[in-house]
Amino acid sequence: MRYKNIVKTILLWLPSIPVIIFFVQNAFEKIIKHDQLDKIGTSPTLLITTGLVLLIAIGLFIYHRTILYGTLILSLYMTTIVVIHIHKGKGFYLTMLIIMGTLVAGWLRKTYLPIKPD
């Protein structure tokens, strides 16, 4: 029974790990390299603020009681990125995939998958 709980925990966190890694990298890049990013029309203050909001959203996403808020903030951020990419004529399929991955990871960790006891 104990091994099933360990396996269940690992499987529930497995989709969340790439999502967390992506957003942590994105947040620190916006905070540390804000002057080196090739973003048109964005000020360093806006990039640093966005990075800090992303770090807060990641913390909310990791903590189980606030996972819905974290998932919502991260998904809305990426939806904004999709709209910007569509407006500029860039590819947006990968960003849509990240939105779907964030939603699936949040849903899996919020719902309880049934495991039959022995």
PDB file of N, CA and C in Angstrom:
ATOM      1  N   MET A   1       0.819  -1.196   0.000  1.00  0.00           N
ATOM      2  CA  MET A   1       0.000   0.000   0.000  1.00  0.00           C
ATOM      3  C   MET A   1       0.865   1.263   0.000  1.00  0.00           C
ATOM      4  N   ARG A   2       1.956   1.229   0.759  1.00  0.00           N
ATOM      5  CA  ARG A   2       2.829   2.391   0.839  1.00  0.00           C
ATOM      6  C   ARG A   2       3.475   2.684  -0.514  1.00  0.00           C
ATOM      7  N   TYR A   3       3.870   1.634  -1.229  1.00  0.00           N
ATOM      8  CA  TYR A   3       4.502   1.825  -2.531  1.00  0.00           C
ATOM      9  C   TYR A   3       3.533   2.423  -3.547  1.00  0.00           C
ATOM     10  N   LYS A   4       2.281   2.051  -3.459  1.00  0.00           N
ATOM     11  CA  LYS A   4       1.288   2.627  -4.371  1.00  0.00           C
ATOM     12  C   LYS A   4       1.136   4.130  -4.135  1.00  0.00           C
ATOM     13  N   ASN A   5       1.190   4.543  -2.879  1.00  0.00           N
ATOM     14  CA  ASN A   5       1.089   5.973  -2.592  1.00  0.00           C
ATOM     15  C   ASN A   5       2.308   6.730  -3.105  1.00  0.00           C
ATOM     16  N   ILE A   6       3.481   6.109  -2.990  1.00  0.00           N
ATOM     17  CA  ILE A   6       4.700   6.744  -3.498  1.00  0.00           C
ATOM     18  C   ILE A   6       4.635   6.862  -5.018  1.00  0.00           C
ATOM     19  N   VAL A   7       4.219   5.780  -5.680  1.00  0.00           N
ATOM     20  CA  VAL A   7       4.101   5.795  -7.140  1.00  0.00           C
ATOM     21  C   VAL A   7       3.045   6.803  -7.583  1.00  0.00           C
ATOM     22  N   LYS A   8       1.946   6.860  -6.865  1.00  0.00           N
ATOM     23  CA  LYS A   8       0.881   7.811  -7.194  1.00  0.00           C
ATOM     24  C   LYS A   8       1.391   9.247  -7.076  1.00  0.00           C
ATOM     25  N   THR A   9       2.131   9.544  -6.024  1.00  0.00           N
ATOM     26  CA  THR A   9       2.670  10.881  -5.835  1.00  0.00           C
ATOM     27  C   THR A   9       3.637  11.241  -6.950  1.00  0.00           C
ATOM     28  N   ILE A  10       4.505  10.308  -7.310  1.00  0.00           N
ATOM     29  CA  ILE A  10       5.464  10.562  -8.390  1.00  0.00           C
ATOM     30  C   ILE A  10       4.730  10.801  -9.702  1.00  0.00           C
ATOM     31  N   LEU A  11       3.739   9.972 -10.002  1.00  0.00           N
ATOM     32  CA  LEU A  11       3.005  10.126 -11.257  1.00  0.00           C
ATOM     33  C   LEU A  11       2.190  11.411 -11.301  1.00  0.00           C
ATOM     34  N   LEU A  12       1.694  11.858 -10.149  1.00  0.00           N
ATOM     35  CA  LEU A  12       0.933  13.108 -10.123  1.00  0.00           C
ATOM     36  C   LEU A  12       1.835  14.320 -10.307  1.00  0.00           C
ATOM     37  N   TRP A  13       3.063  14.250  -9.806  1.00  0.00           N
ATOM     38  CA  TRP A  13       3.985  15.375  -9.924  1.00  0.00           C
ATOM     39  C   TRP A  13       4.757  15.370 -11.243  1.00  0.00           C
ATOM     40  N   LEU A  14       4.787  14.248 -11.942  1.00  0.00           N
ATOM     41  CA  LEU A  14       5.579  14.133 -13.168  1.00  0.00           C
ATOM     42  C   LEU A  14       5.218  15.168 -14.236  1.00  0.00           C
ATOM     43  N   PRO A  15       3.938  15.428 -14.535  1.00  0.00           N
ATOM     44  CA  PRO A  15       3.639  16.478 -15.523  1.00  0.00           C
ATOM     45  C   PRO A  15       3.924  17.891 -15.012  1.00  0.00           C
ATOM     46  N   SER A  16       3.931  18.070 -13.703  1.00  0.00           N
ATOM     47  CA  SER A  16       4.157  19.408 -13.150  1.00  0.00           C
ATOM     48  C   SER A  16       5.616  19.831 -13.231  1.00  0.00           C
ATOM     49  N   ILE A  17       6.531  18.892 -13.216  1.00  0.00           N
ATOM     50  CA  ILE A  17       7.959  19.229 -13.188  1.00  0.00           C
ATOM     51  C   ILE A  17       8.391  20.008 -14.433  1.00  0.00           C
ATOM     52  N   PRO A  18       8.060  19.560 -15.668  1.00  0.00           N
ATOM     53  CA  PRO A  18       8.450  20.385 -16.828  1.00  0.00           C
ATOM     54  C   PRO A  18       7.788  21.761 -16.846  1.00  0.00           C
ATOM     55  N   VAL A  19       6.558  21.831 -16.386  1.00  0.00           N
ATOM     56  CA  VAL A  19       5.855  23.117 -16.336  1.00  0.00           C
ATOM     57  C   VAL A  19       6.568  24.060 -15.373  1.00  0.00           C
ATOM     58  N   ILE A  20       6.927  23.552 -14.192  1.00  0.00           N
ATOM     59  CA  ILE A  20       7.617  24.375 -13.198  1.00  0.00           C
ATOM     60  C   ILE A  20       8.978  24.817 -13.721  1.00  0.00           C
ATOM     61  N   ILE A  21       9.715  23.895 -14.331  1.00  0.00           N
ATOM     62  CA  ILE A  21      11.042  24.238 -14.866  1.00  0.00           C
ATOM     63  C   ILE A  21      10.926  25.319 -15.936  1.00  0.00           C
ATOM     64  N   PHE A  22       9.958  25.188 -16.836  1.00  0.00           N
ATOM     65  CA  PHE A  22       9.785  26.188 -17.898  1.00  0.00           C
ATOM     66  C   PHE A  22       9.492  27.564 -17.319  1.00  0.00           C
ATOM     67  N   PHE A  23       8.543  27.634 -16.382  1.00  0.00           N
ATOM     68  CA  PHE A  23       8.152  28.937 -15.856  1.00  0.00           C
ATOM     69  C   PHE A  23       9.227  29.543 -14.955  1.00  0.00           C
ATOM     70  N   VAL A  24       9.976  28.723 -14.213  1.00  0.00           N
ATOM     71  CA  VAL A  24      11.072  29.251 -13.392  1.00  0.00           C
ATOM     72  C   VAL A  24      12.149  29.843 -14.284  1.00  0.00           C
ATOM     73  N   GLN A  25      12.495  29.131 -15.347  1.00  0.00           N
ATOM     74  CA  GLN A  25      13.490  29.649 -16.287  1.00  0.00           C
ATOM     75  C   GLN A  25      13.008  30.964 -16.910  1.00  0.00           C
ATOM     76  N   ASN A  26      11.750  30.997 -17.308  1.00  0.00           N
ATOM     77  CA  ASN A  26      11.172  32.188 -17.930  1.00  0.00           C
ATOM     78  C   ASN A  26      11.178  33.365 -16.953  1.00  0.00           C
ATOM     79  N   ALA A  27      10.809  33.105 -15.700  1.00  0.00           N
ATOM     80  CA  ALA A  27      10.757  34.175 -14.698  1.00  0.00           C
ATOM     81  C   ALA A  27      12.142  34.732 -14.412  1.00  0.00           C
ATOM     82  N   PHE A  28      13.129  33.854 -14.190  1.00  0.00           N
ATOM     83  CA  PHE A  28      14.473  34.341 -13.888  1.00  0.00           C
ATOM     84  C   PHE A  28      15.106  35.050 -15.083  1.00  0.00           C
ATOM     85  N   GLU A  29      14.772  34.606 -16.288  1.00  0.00           N
ATOM     86  CA  GLU A  29      15.281  35.294 -17.474  1.00  0.00           C
ATOM     87  C   GLU A  29      14.723  36.710 -17.546  1.00  0.00           C
ATOM     88  N   LYS A  30      13.462  36.873 -17.205  1.00  0.00           N
ATOM     89  CA  LYS A  30      12.859  38.207 -17.238  1.00  0.00           C
ATOM     90  C   LYS A  30      13.420  39.099 -16.131  1.00  0.00           C
ATOM     91  N   ILE A  31      13.777  38.521 -14.997  1.00  0.00           N
ATOM     92  CA  ILE A  31      14.301  39.316 -13.886  1.00  0.00           C
ATOM     93  C   ILE A  31      15.776  39.659 -14.096  1.00  0.00           C
ATOM     94  N   ILE A  32      16.576  38.671 -14.470  1.00  0.00           N
ATOM     95  CA  ILE A  32      18.026  38.869 -14.551  1.00  0.00           C
ATOM     96  C   ILE A  32      18.453  39.499 -15.874  1.00  0.00           C
ATOM     97  N   LYS A  33      17.907  39.017 -16.986  1.00  0.00           N
ATOM     98  CA  LYS A  33      18.332  39.496 -18.307  1.00  0.00           C
ATOM     99  C   LYS A  33      17.331  40.467 -18.926  1.00  0.00           C
ATOM    100  N   HIS A  34      16.687  41.278 -18.124  1.00  0.00           N
ATOM    101  CA  HIS A  34      15.635  42.158 -18.634  1.00  0.00           C
ATOM    102  C   HIS A  34      16.154  43.165 -19.651  1.00  0.00           C
ATOM    103  N   ASP A  35      17.424  43.534 -19.574  1.00  0.00           N
ATOM    104  CA  ASP A  35      17.956  44.506 -20.525  1.00  0.00           C
ATOM    105  C   ASP A  35      18.496  43.846 -21.796  1.00  0.00           C
ATOM    106  N   GLN A  36      18.654  42.528 -21.796  1.00  0.00           N
ATOM    107  CA  GLN A  36      19.202  41.833 -22.951  1.00  0.00           C
ATOM    108  C   GLN A  36      18.133  41.171 -23.816  1.00  0.00           C
ATOM    109  N   LEU A  37      16.910  41.117 -23.325  1.00  0.00           N
ATOM    110  CA  LEU A  37      15.843  40.472 -24.086  1.00  0.00           C
ATOM    111  C   LEU A  37      15.433  41.353 -25.257  1.00  0.00           C
ATOM    112  N   ASP A  38      15.151  40.729 -26.371  1.00  0.00           N
ATOM    113  CA  ASP A  38      14.750  41.460 -27.572  1.00  0.00           C
ATOM    114  C   ASP A  38      13.223  41.549 -27.620  1.00  0.00           C
ATOM    115  N   LYS A  39      12.676  42.303 -26.703  1.00  0.00           N
ATOM    116  CA  LYS A  39      11.236  42.497 -26.629  1.00  0.00           C
ATOM    117  C   LYS A  39      10.919  43.911 -27.067  1.00  0.00           C
ATOM    118  N   ILE A  40      10.077  44.057 -28.042  1.00  0.00           N
ATOM    119  CA  ILE A  40       9.746  45.373 -28.572  1.00  0.00           C
ATOM    120  C   ILE A  40       8.639  45.992 -27.713  1.00  0.00           C
ATOM    121  N   GLY A  41       8.877  47.207 -27.251  1.00  0.00           N
ATOM    122  CA  GLY A  41       7.846  47.937 -26.534  1.00  0.00           C
ATOM    123  C   GLY A  41       7.688  47.550 -25.084  1.00  0.00           C
ATOM    124  N   THR A  42       8.653  46.828 -24.509  1.00  0.00           N
ATOM    125  CA  THR A  42       8.534  46.480 -23.097  1.00  0.00           C
ATOM    126  C   THR A  42       9.653  47.147 -22.323  1.00  0.00           C
ATOM    127  N   SER A  43       9.298  47.678 -21.188  1.00  0.00           N
ATOM    128  CA  SER A  43      10.288  48.334 -20.344  1.00  0.00           C
ATOM    129  C   SER A  43      10.893  47.320 -19.373  1.00  0.00           C
ATOM    130  N   PRO A  44      12.070  47.599 -18.863  1.00  0.00           N
ATOM    131  CA  PRO A  44      12.674  46.698 -17.883  1.00  0.00           C
ATOM    132  C   PRO A  44      11.812  46.525 -16.633  1.00  0.00           C
ATOM    133  N   THR A  45      11.123  47.582 -16.240  1.00  0.00           N
ATOM    134  CA  THR A  45      10.247  47.488 -15.063  1.00  0.00           C
ATOM    135  C   THR A  45       9.118  46.487 -15.302  1.00  0.00           C
ATOM    136  N   LEU A  46       8.538  46.510 -16.489  1.00  0.00           N
ATOM    137  CA  LEU A  46       7.470  45.570 -16.822  1.00  0.00           C
ATOM    138  C   LEU A  46       7.988  44.137 -16.849  1.00  0.00           C
ATOM    139  N   LEU A  47       9.165  43.923 -17.391  1.00  0.00           N
ATOM    140  CA  LEU A  47       9.725  42.575 -17.445  1.00  0.00           C
ATOM    141  C   LEU A  47      10.052  42.050 -16.050  1.00  0.00           C
ATOM    142  N   ILE A  48      10.631  42.894 -15.199  1.00  0.00           N
ATOM    143  CA  ILE A  48      10.946  42.470 -13.833  1.00  0.00           C
ATOM    144  C   ILE A  48       9.666  42.165 -13.060  1.00  0.00           C
ATOM    145  N   THR A  49       8.656  43.010 -13.213  1.00  0.00           N
ATOM    146  CA  THR A  49       7.372  42.770 -12.545  1.00  0.00           C
ATOM    147  C   THR A  49       6.735  41.479 -13.038  1.00  0.00           C
ATOM    148  N   THR A  50       6.793  41.232 -14.330  1.00  0.00           N
ATOM    149  CA  THR A  50       6.249  39.987 -14.885  1.00  0.00           C
ATOM    150  C   THR A  50       6.983  38.785 -14.323  1.00  0.00           C
ATOM    151  N   GLY A  51       8.307  38.871 -14.221  1.00  0.00           N
ATOM    152  CA  GLY A  51       9.087  37.784 -13.642  1.00  0.00           C
ATOM    153  C   GLY A  51       8.718  37.519 -12.193  1.00  0.00           C
ATOM    154  N   LEU A  52       8.518  38.570 -11.412  1.00  0.00           N
ATOM    155  CA  LEU A  52       8.127  38.397 -10.011  1.00  0.00           C
ATOM    156  C   LEU A  52       6.730  37.795  -9.886  1.00  0.00           C
ATOM    157  N   VAL A  53       5.810  38.226 -10.745  1.00  0.00           N
ATOM    158  CA  VAL A  53       4.454  37.651 -10.734  1.00  0.00           C
ATOM    159  C   VAL A  53       4.516  36.170 -11.111  1.00  0.00           C
ATOM    160  N   LEU A  54       5.374  35.823 -12.056  1.00  0.00           N
ATOM    161  CA  LEU A  54       5.532  34.419 -12.430  1.00  0.00           C
ATOM    162  C   LEU A  54       6.072  33.597 -11.270  1.00  0.00           C
ATOM    163  N   LEU A  55       7.035  34.143 -10.528  1.00  0.00           N
ATOM    164  CA  LEU A  55       7.560  33.405  -9.371  1.00  0.00           C
ATOM    165  C   LEU A  55       6.488  33.193  -8.304  1.00  0.00           C
ATOM    166  N   ILE A  56       5.665  34.201  -8.073  1.00  0.00           N
ATOM    167  CA  ILE A  56       4.557  34.055  -7.113  1.00  0.00           C
ATOM    168  C   ILE A  56       3.564  33.016  -7.613  1.00  0.00           C
ATOM    169  N   ALA A  57       3.260  33.051  -8.911  1.00  0.00           N
ATOM    170  CA  ALA A  57       2.315  32.080  -9.481  1.00  0.00           C
ATOM    171  C   ALA A  57       2.873  30.658  -9.402  1.00  0.00           C
ATOM    172  N   ILE A  58       4.181  30.508  -9.573  1.00  0.00           N
ATOM    173  CA  ILE A  58       4.792  29.180  -9.449  1.00  0.00           C
ATOM    174  C   ILE A  58       4.655  28.680  -8.021  1.00  0.00           C
ATOM    175  N   GLY A  59       4.886  29.563  -7.053  1.00  0.00           N
ATOM    176  CA  GLY A  59       4.692  29.176  -5.651  1.00  0.00           C
ATOM    177  C   GLY A  59       3.254  28.753  -5.375  1.00  0.00           C
ATOM    178  N   LEU A  60       2.301  29.482  -5.935  1.00  0.00           N
ATOM    179  CA  LEU A  60       0.890  29.105  -5.772  1.00  0.00           C
ATOM    180  C   LEU A  60       0.596  27.777  -6.469  1.00  0.00           C
ATOM    181  N   PHE A  61       1.249  27.545  -7.599  1.00  0.00           N
ATOM    182  CA  PHE A  61       1.051  26.305  -8.348  1.00  0.00           C
ATOM    183  C   PHE A  61       1.613  25.106  -7.594  1.00  0.00           C
ATOM    184  N   ILE A  62       2.702  25.294  -6.895  1.00  0.00           N
ATOM    185  CA  ILE A  62       3.334  24.185  -6.167  1.00  0.00           C
ATOM    186  C   ILE A  62       2.547  23.827  -4.907  1.00  0.00           C
ATOM    187  N   TYR A  63       2.049  24.828  -4.190  1.00  0.00           N
ATOM    188  CA  TYR A  63       1.328  24.590  -2.940  1.00  0.00           C
ATOM    189  C   TYR A  63      -0.069  24.054  -3.255  1.00  0.00           C
ATOM    190  N   HIS A  64      -0.437  22.943  -2.619  1.00  0.00           N
ATOM    191  CA  HIS A  64      -1.655  22.225  -3.003  1.00  0.00           C
ATOM    192  C   HIS A  64      -2.937  23.043  -2.777  1.00  0.00           C
ATOM    193  N   ARG A  65      -3.000  23.811  -1.719  1.00  0.00           N
ATOM    194  CA  ARG A  65      -4.233  24.561  -1.430  1.00  0.00           C
ATOM    195  C   ARG A  65      -4.485  25.698  -2.413  1.00  0.00           C
ATOM    196  N   THR A  66      -3.439  26.195  -3.032  1.00  0.00           N
ATOM    197  CA  THR A  66      -3.594  27.330  -3.943  1.00  0.00           C
ATOM    198  C   THR A  66      -3.271  26.959  -5.385  1.00  0.00           C
ATOM    199  N   ILE A  67      -3.337  25.685  -5.699  1.00  0.00           N
ATOM    200  CA  ILE A  67      -2.965  25.232  -7.038  1.00  0.00           C
ATOM    201  C   ILE A  67      -3.887  25.816  -8.116  1.00  0.00           C
ATOM    202  N   LEU A  68      -5.144  26.028  -7.786  1.00  0.00           N
ATOM    203  CA  LEU A  68      -6.071  26.584  -8.776  1.00  0.00           C
ATOM    204  C   LEU A  68      -5.690  28.019  -9.150  1.00  0.00           C
ATOM    205  N   TYR A  69      -5.277  28.810  -8.157  1.00  0.00           N
ATOM    206  CA  TYR A  69      -4.869  30.189  -8.437  1.00  0.00           C
ATOM    207  C   TYR A  69      -3.584  30.220  -9.259  1.00  0.00           C
ATOM    208  N   GLY A  70      -2.632  29.375  -8.897  1.00  0.00           N
ATOM    209  CA  GLY A  70      -1.387  29.311  -9.657  1.00  0.00           C
ATOM    210  C   GLY A  70      -1.611  28.866 -11.090  1.00  0.00           C
ATOM    211  N   THR A  71      -2.457  27.845 -11.262  1.00  0.00           N
ATOM    212  CA  THR A  71      -2.766  27.364 -12.605  1.00  0.00           C
ATOM    213  C   THR A  71      -3.456  28.454 -13.423  1.00  0.00           C
ATOM    214  N   LEU A  72      -4.365  29.165 -12.797  1.00  0.00           N
ATOM    215  CA  LEU A  72      -5.078  30.243 -13.488  1.00  0.00           C
ATOM    216  C   LEU A  72      -4.122  31.359 -13.925  1.00  0.00           C
ATOM    217  N   ILE A  73      -3.248  31.798 -13.035  1.00  0.00           N
ATOM    218  CA  ILE A  73      -2.326  32.887 -13.373  1.00  0.00           C
ATOM    219  C   ILE A  73      -1.360  32.459 -14.473  1.00  0.00           C
ATOM    220  N   LEU A  74      -0.794  31.250 -14.347  1.00  0.00           N
ATOM    221  CA  LEU A  74       0.156  30.779 -15.358  1.00  0.00           C
ATOM    222  C   LEU A  74      -0.524  30.591 -16.713  1.00  0.00           C
ATOM    223  N   SER A  75      -1.742  30.074 -16.706  1.00  0.00           N
ATOM    224  CA  SER A  75      -2.469  29.874 -17.966  1.00  0.00           C
ATOM    225  C   SER A  75      -2.850  31.204 -18.611  1.00  0.00           C
ATOM    226  N   LEU A  76      -3.273  32.170 -17.802  1.00  0.00           N
ATOM    227  CA  LEU A  76      -3.610  33.485 -18.351  1.00  0.00           C
ATOM    228  C   LEU A  76      -2.371  34.182 -18.914  1.00  0.00           C
ATOM    229  N   TYR A  77      -1.238  34.015 -18.244  1.00  0.00           N
ATOM    230  CA  TYR A  77       0.013  34.594 -18.762  1.00  0.00           C
ATOM    231  C   TYR A  77       0.338  34.001 -20.126  1.00  0.00           C
ATOM    232  N   MET A  78       0.267  32.685 -20.240  1.00  0.00           N
ATOM    233  CA  MET A  78       0.602  32.045 -21.518  1.00  0.00           C
ATOM    234  C   MET A  78      -0.452  32.356 -22.580  1.00  0.00           C
ATOM    235  N   THR A  79      -1.709  32.533 -22.192  1.00  0.00           N
ATOM    236  CA  THR A  79      -2.735  32.921 -23.153  1.00  0.00           C
ATOM    237  C   THR A  79      -2.422  34.306 -23.727  1.00  0.00           C
ATOM    238  N   THR A  80      -1.942  35.198 -22.872  1.00  0.00           N
ATOM    239  CA  THR A  80      -1.519  36.514 -23.346  1.00  0.00           C
ATOM    240  C   THR A  80      -0.363  36.384 -24.333  1.00  0.00           C
ATOM    241  N   ILE A  81       0.560  35.478 -24.050  1.00  0.00           N
ATOM    242  CA  ILE A  81       1.685  35.253 -24.960  1.00  0.00           C
ATOM    243  C   ILE A  81       1.190  34.711 -26.300  1.00  0.00           C
ATOM    244  N   VAL A  82       0.192  33.823 -26.274  1.00  0.00           N
ATOM    245  CA  VAL A  82      -0.380  33.300 -27.522  1.00  0.00           C
ATOM    246  C   VAL A  82      -0.993  34.435 -28.338  1.00  0.00           C
ATOM    247  N   VAL A  83      -1.733  35.318 -27.692  1.00  0.00           N
ATOM    248  CA  VAL A  83      -2.350  36.447 -28.392  1.00  0.00           C
ATOM    249  C   VAL A  83      -1.274  37.343 -29.004  1.00  0.00           C
ATOM    250  N   ILE A  84      -0.199  37.597 -28.268  1.00  0.00           N
ATOM    251  CA  ILE A  84       0.897  38.422 -28.799  1.00  0.00           C
ATOM    252  C   ILE A  84       1.540  37.732 -29.993  1.00  0.00           C
ATOM    253  N   HIS A  85       1.754  36.425 -29.901  1.00  0.00           N
ATOM    254  CA  HIS A  85       2.364  35.695 -31.011  1.00  0.00           C
ATOM    255  C   HIS A  85       1.461  35.696 -32.245  1.00  0.00           C
ATOM    256  N   ILE A  86       0.169  35.550 -32.048  1.00  0.00           N
ATOM    257  CA  ILE A  86      -0.758  35.592 -33.181  1.00  0.00           C
ATOM    258  C   ILE A  86      -0.743  36.981 -33.808  1.00  0.00           C
ATOM    259  N   HIS A  87      -0.729  38.018 -32.970  1.00  0.00           N
ATOM    260  CA  HIS A  87      -0.715  39.391 -33.465  1.00  0.00           C
ATOM    261  C   HIS A  87       0.544  39.694 -34.276  1.00  0.00           C
ATOM    262  N   LYS A  88       1.682  39.159 -33.845  1.00  0.00           N
ATOM    263  CA  LYS A  88       2.948  39.408 -34.539  1.00  0.00           C
ATOM    264  C   LYS A  88       3.196  38.438 -35.691  1.00  0.00           C
ATOM    265  N   GLY A  89       2.332  37.442 -35.843  1.00  0.00           N
ATOM    266  CA  GLY A  89       2.495  36.486 -36.932  1.00  0.00           C
ATOM    267  C   GLY A  89       3.526  35.402 -36.646  1.00  0.00           C
ATOM    268  N   LYS A  90       3.847  35.181 -35.391  1.00  0.00           N
ATOM    269  CA  LYS A  90       4.814  34.149 -35.018  1.00  0.00           C
ATOM    270  C   LYS A  90       4.076  32.833 -34.761  1.00  0.00           C
ATOM    271  N   GLY A  91       4.841  31.766 -34.643  1.00  0.00           N
ATOM    272  CA  GLY A  91       4.255  30.473 -34.304  1.00  0.00           C
ATOM    273  C   GLY A  91       3.775  30.459 -32.864  1.00  0.00           C
ATOM    274  N   PHE A  92       2.623  29.880 -32.642  1.00  0.00           N
ATOM    275  CA  PHE A  92       2.040  29.893 -31.306  1.00  0.00           C
ATOM    276  C   PHE A  92       1.631  28.503 -30.825  1.00  0.00           C
ATOM    277  N   TYR A  93       1.973  27.472 -31.570  1.00  0.00           N
ATOM    278  CA  TYR A  93       1.537  26.124 -31.191  1.00  0.00           C
ATOM    279  C   TYR A  93       2.235  25.623 -29.934  1.00  0.00           C
ATOM    280  N   LEU A  94       3.500  25.925 -29.786  1.00  0.00           N
ATOM    281  CA  LEU A  94       4.228  25.490 -28.598  1.00  0.00           C
ATOM    282  C   LEU A  94       3.687  26.170 -27.346  1.00  0.00           C
ATOM    283  N   THR A  95       3.356  27.449 -27.452  1.00  0.00           N
ATOM    284  CA  THR A  95       2.801  28.137 -26.294  1.00  0.00           C
ATOM    285  C   THR A  95       1.421  27.601 -25.937  1.00  0.00           C
ATOM    286  N   MET A  96       0.646  27.199 -26.930  1.00  0.00           N
ATOM    287  CA  MET A  96      -0.643  26.570 -26.642  1.00  0.00           C
ATOM    288  C   MET A  96      -0.441  25.215 -25.960  1.00  0.00           C
ATOM    289  N   LEU A  97       0.600  24.498 -26.366  1.00  0.00           N
ATOM    290  CA  LEU A  97       0.922  23.219 -25.735  1.00  0.00           C
ATOM    291  C   LEU A  97       1.328  23.414 -24.276  1.00  0.00           C
ATOM    292  N   ILE A  98       2.030  24.502 -23.994  1.00  0.00           N
ATOM    293  CA  ILE A  98       2.406  24.800 -22.614  1.00  0.00           C
ATOM    294  C   ILE A  98       1.174  25.125 -21.778  1.00  0.00           C
ATOM    295  N   ILE A  99       0.214  25.830 -22.350  1.00  0.00           N
ATOM    296  CA  ILE A  99      -1.047  26.108 -21.640  1.00  0.00           C
ATOM    297  C   ILE A  99      -1.752  24.797 -21.310  1.00  0.00           C
ATOM    298  N   MET A 100      -1.851  23.924 -22.290  1.00  0.00           N
ATOM    299  CA  MET A 100      -2.533  22.641 -22.070  1.00  0.00           C
ATOM    300  C   MET A 100      -1.783  21.812 -21.029  1.00  0.00           C
ATOM    301  N   GLY A 101      -0.450  21.820 -21.075  1.00  0.00           N
ATOM    302  CA  GLY A 101       0.332  21.086 -20.087  1.00  0.00           C
ATOM    303  C   GLY A 101       0.137  21.632 -18.684  1.00  0.00           C
ATOM    304  N   THR A 102       0.051  22.948 -18.566  1.00  0.00           N
ATOM    305  CA  THR A 102      -0.189  23.571 -17.264  1.00  0.00           C
ATOM    306  C   THR A 102      -1.554  23.184 -16.718  1.00  0.00           C
ATOM    307  N   LEU A 103      -2.567  23.222 -17.574  1.00  0.00           N
ATOM    308  CA  LEU A 103      -3.921  22.860 -17.137  1.00  0.00           C
ATOM    309  C   LEU A 103      -4.013  21.387 -16.741  1.00  0.00           C
ATOM    310  N   VAL A 104      -3.397  20.515 -17.530  1.00  0.00           N
ATOM    311  CA  VAL A 104      -3.434  19.079 -17.217  1.00  0.00           C
ATOM    312  C   VAL A 104      -2.680  18.789 -15.919  1.00  0.00           C
ATOM    313  N   ALA A 105      -1.513  19.409 -15.754  1.00  0.00           N
ATOM    314  CA  ALA A 105      -0.734  19.184 -14.534  1.00  0.00           C
ATOM    315  C   ALA A 105      -1.492  19.673 -13.301  1.00  0.00           C
ATOM    316  N   GLY A 106      -2.111  20.829 -13.397  1.00  0.00           N
ATOM    317  CA  GLY A 106      -2.906  21.334 -12.277  1.00  0.00           C
ATOM    318  C   GLY A 106      -4.111  20.472 -11.988  1.00  0.00           C
ATOM    319  N   TRP A 107      -4.773  20.007 -13.033  1.00  0.00           N
ATOM    320  CA  TRP A 107      -5.947  19.159 -12.851  1.00  0.00           C
ATOM    321  C   TRP A 107      -5.564  17.819 -12.222  1.00  0.00           C
ATOM    322  N   LEU A 108      -4.485  17.228 -12.673  1.00  0.00           N
ATOM    323  CA  LEU A 108      -4.068  15.933 -12.113  1.00  0.00           C
ATOM    324  C   LEU A 108      -3.719  16.049 -10.640  1.00  0.00           C
ATOM    325  N   ARG A 109      -3.035  17.118 -10.271  1.00  0.00           N
ATOM    326  CA  ARG A 109      -2.656  17.262  -8.867  1.00  0.00           C
ATOM    327  C   ARG A 109      -3.820  17.677  -7.983  1.00  0.00           C
ATOM    328  N   LYS A 110      -4.830  18.322  -8.554  1.00  0.00           N
ATOM    329  CA  LYS A 110      -5.971  18.760  -7.749  1.00  0.00           C
ATOM    330  C   LYS A 110      -6.983  17.636  -7.535  1.00  0.00           C
ATOM    331  N   THR A 111      -7.169  16.794  -8.546  1.00  0.00           N
ATOM    332  CA  THR A 111      -8.105  15.683  -8.408  1.00  0.00           C
ATOM    333  C   THR A 111      -7.368  14.486  -7.810  1.00  0.00           C
ATOM    334  N   TYR A 112      -8.127  13.600  -7.260  1.00  0.00           N
ATOM    335  CA  TYR A 112      -7.550  12.422  -6.642  1.00  0.00           C
ATOM    336  C   TYR A 112      -7.824  11.217  -7.512  1.00  0.00           C
ATOM    337  N   LEU A 113      -6.761  10.607  -7.998  1.00  0.00           N
ATOM    338  CA  LEU A 113      -6.923   9.420  -8.838  1.00  0.00           C
ATOM    339  C   LEU A 113      -7.198   8.221  -7.949  1.00  0.00           C
ATOM    340  N   PRO A 114      -8.171   7.421  -8.337  1.00  0.00           N
ATOM    341  CA  PRO A 114      -8.510   6.277  -7.484  1.00  0.00           C
ATOM    342  C   PRO A 114      -7.478   5.163  -7.578  1.00  0.00           C
ATOM    343  N   ILE A 115      -7.080   4.656  -6.443  1.00  0.00           N
ATOM    344  CA  ILE A 115      -6.226   3.469  -6.370  1.00  0.00           C
ATOM    345  C   ILE A 115      -6.907   2.507  -5.420  1.00  0.00           C
ATOM    346  N   LYS A 116      -7.157   1.322  -5.921  1.00  0.00           N
ATOM    347  CA  LYS A 116      -7.834   0.330  -5.100  1.00  0.00           C
ATOM    348  C   LYS A 116      -6.868  -0.247  -4.069  1.00  0.00           C
ATOM    349  N   PRO A 117      -7.290  -0.304  -2.811  1.00  0.00           N
ATOM    350  CA  PRO A 117      -6.412  -0.918  -1.791  1.00  0.00           C
ATOM    351  C   PRO A 117      -6.369  -2.432  -1.964  1.00  0.00           C
ATOM    352  N   ASP A 118      -5.273  -3.013  -1.524  1.00  0.00           N
ATOM    353  CA  ASP A 118      -5.133  -4.478  -1.623  1.00  0.00           C
ATOM    354  C   ASP A 118      -6.040  -5.192  -0.657  1.00  0.00           C
TER     355      ASP A 118
END
